[in-house]
Each structure stands twice: as C-alpha cells, then as structure tokens.
C-alpha cells in the first residue's frame, strides 16, 4: 500500500513553523511514504523564495507544488530551475521557467506529480486545465506507475468536474487555493481519491490566513489595506491517501488536521 500525505497551502511564517515542529513526527505517526506540500503562500503569504523552498524540503517534504502566486517573489523566476523537487503549474505558458511536473521514486513506485490551475475567477494566464491534464498524462505514460494531480482552483464546480474527468486515470485529484478544508473527501467509482480543498497550513484565527480586522474593514468600506499574516490557532491541514498499486486504485482518503496545544508542542488529529 502506498500512503501519500498532501499538505495544504503553507501560509507564511506560522505555517512554516508548525511544519518544522510537527511534520517529522506526523510523518512517522501516519506511516506515510511520501509528503507533497503546496508552498505558493509560504513567503509572507504570497509566493516562495529560494531559502524558504530549501528549508521546507529539509523537513520531510518530498516535493513542493505551486499555484497562482508562483511568481510573486522577486527573483524566484531565476531560482526555480535549480530545484529538482519543485514544480510550477503545468498549464502555465510553456515559456515559463521551472518544471511542469515531477517524477518521484517512492520505494520503487514511480509517482508522477503535477498541478493545474483553474480558470474560473483566477486572474492568471493559464491554458485549459482539462486539456493540460490530458497532455500531461499522455506525456507521462510509460514513465510512471501512478499520478498525483493537484487542482489549484477557486470554483468548487470546476474542481468537482476535473475530479470526475480524471476518475480512474489518477491516484488522486486534490484541491487547493481556497484555504478552507471541504467535507467531501471520497474515492470516486473509478478509484481516484478526491477532495475539493485540503485546507491551509497556517493560522486559522484569521480570514484565509490574514489578520481579521483589516479584512473586515476592507469588506465594509472598500478602502485598500495591508493584510498581514495572522498568528493564532495554527494548524497543519492536508489529505491522507492510501493507494493499492496492485488494484491500481485508491482505497481511502481522509482529511487530516493537526494543531498546536497551549504549550505549542503536542499535536492532535481531528
């Protein structure tokens, strides 16, 4: 059985800190074979940097995926090519730097990894995610034993549609971007594990990871404000997938959430 843990969007310093404190132990407790994490909000909530990517990869994270904030940090477009375990969304224009997929060797299992961006409500130049998935699956045919697909998208309908579209062709289709975990984890009839959004890894006493008061004020009067990263109720949120390589289908997917206690040490699974 292959056990895969996908960590939802790492948000700023609080998200990085709880990963540092909890991930090595959590990896052991869950008995996972591979950990993939979305790092697109890891640098102050927008984008990622070379030093942050290196630090995340030392924590027991095997691969980092990215999303619509991929280019937010200055210089990352030059640094991304130096990372063999980081991939940018596959449906960005082909001229963009960085890898559009990864192939991980997980105890002899060749795992393909890629992300696609949704096109509903996202202000970024991206090709059709459905066609991009078809193209990537064709490209990886014969090179991998199974494929992990992350769908970084806003619209729940678009996420569900892609899940059904890839049912039976991917190990899992797991959503990110909206930062709020959804209660719809399931294995689809064709054997693909699915969840609309695995949630964020960061401060939950917040509005999507940002300090509450300025966000409320912006909604009330429409005036521009600085949205600093919040600090309270920091959690790891993600999805645990169990996949049977012989049957070639996922057998289980569940939401996993780990939070600090008052001492900032113990972790609990919700």
Protein backbone atom coordinates (compact mmCIF):
# COMPACT_ATOMS: atom_id res chain seq x y z
CA UNK A 1 0.00 0.00 0.00
CA UNK A 2 1.27 3.48 -0.91
CA UNK A 3 0.44 6.16 1.67
CA UNK A 4 0.63 9.75 0.48
CA UNK A 5 0.17 12.88 2.59
CA UNK A 6 -0.58 16.17 0.85
CA UNK A 7 -0.07 19.35 2.91
CA UNK A 8 -2.38 22.23 2.01
CA UNK A 9 -1.16 25.76 1.22
CA UNK A 10 1.63 26.73 3.64
CA UNK A 11 0.80 30.29 4.74
CA UNK A 12 3.68 32.48 5.89
CA UNK A 13 5.92 32.03 8.91
CA UNK A 14 3.23 30.39 11.11
CA UNK A 15 2.68 27.68 8.51
CA UNK A 16 6.40 27.06 8.14
CA UNK A 17 6.90 26.94 11.91
CA UNK A 18 4.24 24.33 12.59
CA UNK A 19 5.64 22.19 9.77
CA UNK A 20 9.06 22.42 11.40
CA UNK A 21 7.62 21.40 14.77
CA UNK A 22 5.16 18.74 13.73
CA UNK A 23 5.84 17.24 10.30
CA UNK A 24 8.68 14.81 11.17
CA UNK A 25 6.62 13.28 13.98
CA UNK A 26 3.40 13.37 11.97
CA UNK A 27 5.05 11.60 9.06
CA UNK A 28 6.06 8.80 11.39
CA UNK A 29 2.66 8.63 13.12
CA UNK A 30 0.78 8.41 9.83
CA UNK A 31 3.28 5.95 8.37
CA UNK A 32 3.38 7.82 5.07
CA UNK A 33 5.69 7.01 2.18
CA UNK A 34 5.69 10.43 0.53
CA UNK A 35 4.81 14.01 1.50
CA UNK A 36 3.88 16.68 -1.04
CA UNK A 37 3.19 20.27 0.03
CA UNK A 38 1.83 23.34 -1.69
CA UNK A 39 4.24 26.19 -0.97
CA UNK A 40 2.81 29.05 -3.01
CA UNK A 41 1.92 31.17 0.05
CA UNK A 42 4.97 30.28 2.12
CA UNK A 43 6.72 33.66 1.82
CA UNK A 44 4.67 36.19 3.82
CA UNK A 45 1.51 34.75 2.29
CA UNK A 46 2.43 35.34 -1.36
CA UNK A 47 4.87 33.22 -3.32
CA UNK A 48 8.02 31.40 -2.26
CA UNK A 49 11.75 32.12 -2.17
CA UNK A 50 14.87 30.04 -2.71
CA UNK A 51 15.74 29.93 1.00
CA UNK A 52 12.19 29.02 2.05
CA UNK A 53 11.94 26.26 -0.56
CA UNK A 54 15.22 24.79 0.69
CA UNK A 55 14.05 24.91 4.30
CA UNK A 56 10.71 23.20 3.53
CA UNK A 57 12.46 20.40 1.67
CA UNK A 58 14.59 19.65 4.76
CA UNK A 59 11.51 19.00 6.94
CA UNK A 60 10.46 15.70 5.38
CA UNK A 61 8.65 17.21 2.40
CA UNK A 62 9.49 15.27 -0.75
CA UNK A 63 8.06 17.72 -3.28
CA UNK A 64 6.69 21.27 -3.41
CA UNK A 65 3.90 22.37 -5.72
CA UNK A 66 2.90 25.95 -6.51
CA UNK A 67 -0.15 27.91 -7.63
CA UNK A 68 -1.28 31.27 -8.96
CA UNK A 69 1.15 33.19 -6.71
CA UNK A 70 4.09 31.32 -8.20
CA UNK A 71 5.87 34.49 -9.43
CA UNK A 72 5.03 36.87 -6.55
CA UNK A 73 8.51 36.90 -5.02
CA UNK A 74 11.22 38.78 -6.90
CA UNK A 75 13.95 36.55 -8.29
CA UNK A 76 12.05 33.26 -7.96
CA UNK A 77 11.72 33.01 -11.74
CA UNK A 78 15.51 32.69 -11.84
CA UNK A 79 15.78 30.34 -8.86
CA UNK A 80 13.02 27.83 -9.61
CA UNK A 81 15.02 26.00 -12.27
CA UNK A 82 17.57 24.93 -9.69
CA UNK A 83 15.07 22.84 -7.73
CA UNK A 84 14.58 19.24 -8.82
CA UNK A 85 11.70 18.70 -6.37
CA UNK A 86 9.64 21.83 -7.06
CA UNK A 87 7.16 22.21 -9.89
CA UNK A 88 5.10 25.15 -11.10
CA UNK A 89 1.59 24.70 -12.55
CA UNK A 90 1.62 22.61 -15.71
CA UNK A 91 -0.86 24.76 -17.62
CA UNK A 92 1.14 27.97 -17.48
CA UNK A 93 2.61 29.06 -20.83
CA UNK A 94 5.41 26.71 -21.90
CA UNK A 95 7.91 29.59 -21.95
CA UNK A 96 7.62 29.94 -18.16
CA UNK A 97 10.66 28.71 -16.21
CA UNK A 98 10.59 25.72 -13.89
CA UNK A 99 9.45 22.11 -14.14
CA UNK A 100 5.85 21.41 -15.12
CA UNK A 101 5.89 18.00 -13.40
CA UNK A 102 7.96 15.80 -11.14
CA UNK A 103 8.64 12.06 -11.05
CA UNK A 104 9.38 10.74 -7.55
CA UNK A 105 10.75 7.30 -6.78
CA UNK A 106 8.78 6.15 -3.75
CA UNK A 107 10.12 2.77 -2.65
CA UNK A 108 10.31 1.69 -6.28
CA UNK A 109 6.93 3.22 -7.21
CA UNK A 110 7.28 5.89 -9.88
CA UNK A 111 4.96 8.71 -8.83
CA UNK A 112 4.15 11.48 -11.28
CA UNK A 113 3.26 14.84 -9.69
CA UNK A 114 1.76 17.90 -11.32
CA UNK A 115 -0.55 20.85 -10.62
CA UNK A 116 -3.02 22.61 -12.86
CA UNK A 117 -4.65 25.99 -12.31
CA UNK A 118 -8.36 26.60 -12.66
CA UNK A 119 -9.62 29.29 -14.99
CA UNK A 120 -12.77 30.38 -13.16
CA UNK A 121 -12.15 33.62 -11.19
CA UNK A 122 -8.33 33.30 -11.28
CA UNK A 123 -6.53 36.25 -12.83
CA UNK A 124 -3.60 34.41 -14.38
CA UNK A 125 -2.79 33.32 -17.91
CA UNK A 126 -3.39 29.56 -17.87
CA UNK A 127 -4.38 27.04 -20.52
CA UNK A 128 -7.40 24.74 -20.20
CA UNK A 129 -6.76 22.50 -17.15
CA UNK A 130 -8.67 19.59 -18.70
CA UNK A 131 -6.55 19.60 -21.84
CA UNK A 132 -3.41 20.17 -19.79
CA UNK A 133 -4.18 17.04 -17.75
CA UNK A 134 -4.77 15.01 -20.91
CA UNK A 135 -1.47 16.23 -22.33
CA UNK A 136 0.45 15.54 -19.13
CA UNK A 137 -1.00 12.05 -18.69
CA UNK A 138 -0.02 11.25 -22.27
CA UNK A 139 3.46 12.66 -21.66
CA UNK A 140 3.94 10.57 -18.50
CA UNK A 141 2.55 7.33 -19.94
CA UNK A 142 5.14 4.58 -19.51
CA UNK A 143 7.29 6.75 -17.25
CA UNK A 144 5.22 6.50 -14.06
CA UNK A 145 3.14 3.94 -12.16
CA UNK A 146 0.57 6.47 -10.96
CA UNK A 147 -0.12 10.21 -10.98
CA UNK A 148 -0.86 12.74 -8.24
CA UNK A 149 -2.87 15.73 -9.52
CA UNK A 150 -3.36 18.95 -7.58
CA UNK A 151 -6.05 21.32 -8.82
CA UNK A 152 -5.35 24.87 -7.65
CA UNK A 153 -8.68 26.50 -8.35
CA UNK A 154 -11.36 28.80 -6.97
CA UNK A 155 -14.63 27.28 -8.18
CA UNK A 156 -15.94 24.16 -6.46
CA UNK A 157 -17.80 23.19 -9.62
CA UNK A 158 -14.60 23.30 -11.69
CA UNK A 159 -12.80 21.17 -9.09
CA UNK A 160 -15.54 18.56 -8.99
CA UNK A 161 -15.69 18.44 -12.78
CA UNK A 162 -11.96 17.74 -13.06
CA UNK A 163 -12.21 15.07 -10.36
CA UNK A 164 -14.84 13.21 -12.39
CA UNK A 165 -12.92 13.83 -15.60
CA UNK A 166 -9.79 12.15 -14.22
CA UNK A 167 -11.55 9.39 -12.28
CA UNK A 168 -9.72 6.15 -12.96
CA UNK A 169 -6.75 7.94 -14.55
CA UNK A 170 -5.10 9.47 -11.46
CA UNK A 171 -4.32 8.28 -7.95
CA UNK A 172 -5.93 11.44 -6.62
CA UNK A 173 -7.23 14.86 -7.56
CA UNK A 174 -6.82 17.13 -4.55
CA UNK A 175 -7.82 20.80 -4.48
CA UNK A 176 -6.05 23.82 -3.03
CA UNK A 177 -6.28 27.64 -3.18
CA UNK A 178 -9.41 28.48 -1.17
CA UNK A 179 -7.69 27.65 2.17
CA UNK A 180 -10.87 26.21 3.73
CA UNK A 181 -11.00 22.40 4.03
CA UNK A 182 -14.07 20.80 2.50
CA UNK A 183 -16.06 17.85 3.85
CA UNK A 184 -16.21 15.91 0.59
CA UNK A 185 -13.24 13.54 0.69
CA UNK A 186 -14.12 10.33 -1.15
CA UNK A 187 -12.84 7.69 -3.51
CA UNK A 188 -14.70 8.07 -6.81
CA UNK A 189 -16.09 4.99 -8.58
CA UNK A 190 -13.09 4.63 -10.89
CA UNK A 191 -10.68 4.58 -7.94
CA UNK A 192 -9.45 8.18 -7.83
CA UNK A 193 -9.27 9.88 -4.41
CA UNK A 194 -10.85 13.33 -4.44
CA UNK A 195 -11.26 16.36 -2.18
CA UNK A 196 -12.29 19.86 -3.30
CA UNK A 197 -9.89 21.61 -0.93
CA UNK A 198 -7.49 20.16 1.62
CA UNK A 199 -7.28 23.44 3.57
CA UNK A 200 -4.32 25.59 4.50
CA UNK A 201 -1.37 25.06 6.81
CA UNK A 202 -1.24 28.24 8.85
CA UNK A 203 -3.25 30.42 11.27
CA UNK A 204 -6.97 29.62 11.46
CA UNK A 205 -7.86 32.55 13.76
CA UNK A 206 -7.91 34.56 10.56
CA UNK A 207 -9.61 35.18 7.25
CA UNK A 208 -7.84 32.73 4.94
CA UNK A 209 -4.64 33.25 6.90
CA UNK A 210 -4.78 37.05 7.11
CA UNK A 211 -5.44 39.22 10.16
CA UNK A 212 -9.19 39.50 10.72
CA UNK A 213 -9.73 43.22 11.41
CA UNK A 214 -8.32 44.75 8.21
CA UNK A 215 -10.15 42.20 6.07
CA UNK A 216 -13.47 43.04 7.74
CA UNK A 217 -12.75 46.75 7.32
CA UNK A 218 -11.97 46.27 3.62
CA UNK A 219 -15.28 44.46 3.09
CA UNK A 220 -17.12 47.27 4.88
CA UNK A 221 -15.68 50.34 3.18
CA UNK A 222 -13.73 49.06 0.17
CA UNK A 223 -10.59 51.01 1.08
CA UNK A 224 -7.20 49.39 0.43
CA UNK A 225 -5.34 47.97 3.43
CA UNK A 226 -2.34 45.86 4.27
CA UNK A 227 -3.37 42.29 5.08
CA UNK A 228 -0.74 40.95 7.46
CA UNK A 229 -0.46 37.23 8.21
CA UNK A 230 -2.41 36.24 11.33
CA UNK A 231 -0.80 34.39 14.24
CA UNK A 232 -3.44 32.43 16.19
CA UNK A 233 -4.69 28.83 16.10
CA UNK A 234 -2.00 27.48 13.80
CA UNK A 235 -2.73 24.11 12.18
CA UNK A 236 -1.48 21.68 9.57
CA UNK A 237 -4.26 20.71 7.19
CA UNK A 238 -3.99 18.13 4.45
CA UNK A 239 -5.21 14.90 2.91
CA UNK A 240 -4.02 11.36 3.54
CA UNK A 241 -4.44 9.00 0.58
CA UNK A 242 -3.96 5.23 0.61
CA UNK A 243 -3.40 3.67 -2.82
CA UNK A 244 -3.26 -0.01 -3.77
CA UNK A 245 -0.70 -0.40 -6.61
CA UNK A 246 -1.88 -3.94 -7.42
CA UNK A 247 -5.54 -2.97 -7.75
CA UNK A 248 -4.49 0.36 -9.30
CA UNK A 249 -6.98 2.35 -7.27
CA UNK A 250 -7.13 4.47 -4.14
CA UNK A 251 -8.78 2.70 -1.24
CA UNK A 252 -9.06 5.58 1.22
CA UNK A 253 -8.78 9.36 1.51
CA UNK A 254 -9.28 11.40 4.66
CA UNK A 255 -8.78 14.94 5.86
CA UNK A 256 -6.06 15.31 8.49
CA UNK A 257 -5.75 18.36 10.72
CA UNK A 258 -3.07 18.86 13.37
CA UNK A 259 -2.98 21.81 15.73
CA UNK A 260 -0.76 23.14 18.49
CA UNK A 261 -1.91 22.91 22.07
CA UNK A 262 -1.34 25.75 24.51
CA UNK A 263 2.24 24.65 25.06
CA UNK A 264 2.88 24.69 21.32
CA UNK A 265 4.18 21.14 21.44
CA UNK A 266 1.59 18.40 21.34
CA UNK A 267 -0.31 17.58 18.18
CA UNK A 268 -3.78 16.18 17.89
CA UNK A 269 -5.55 14.69 14.94
CA UNK A 270 -9.07 15.99 14.38
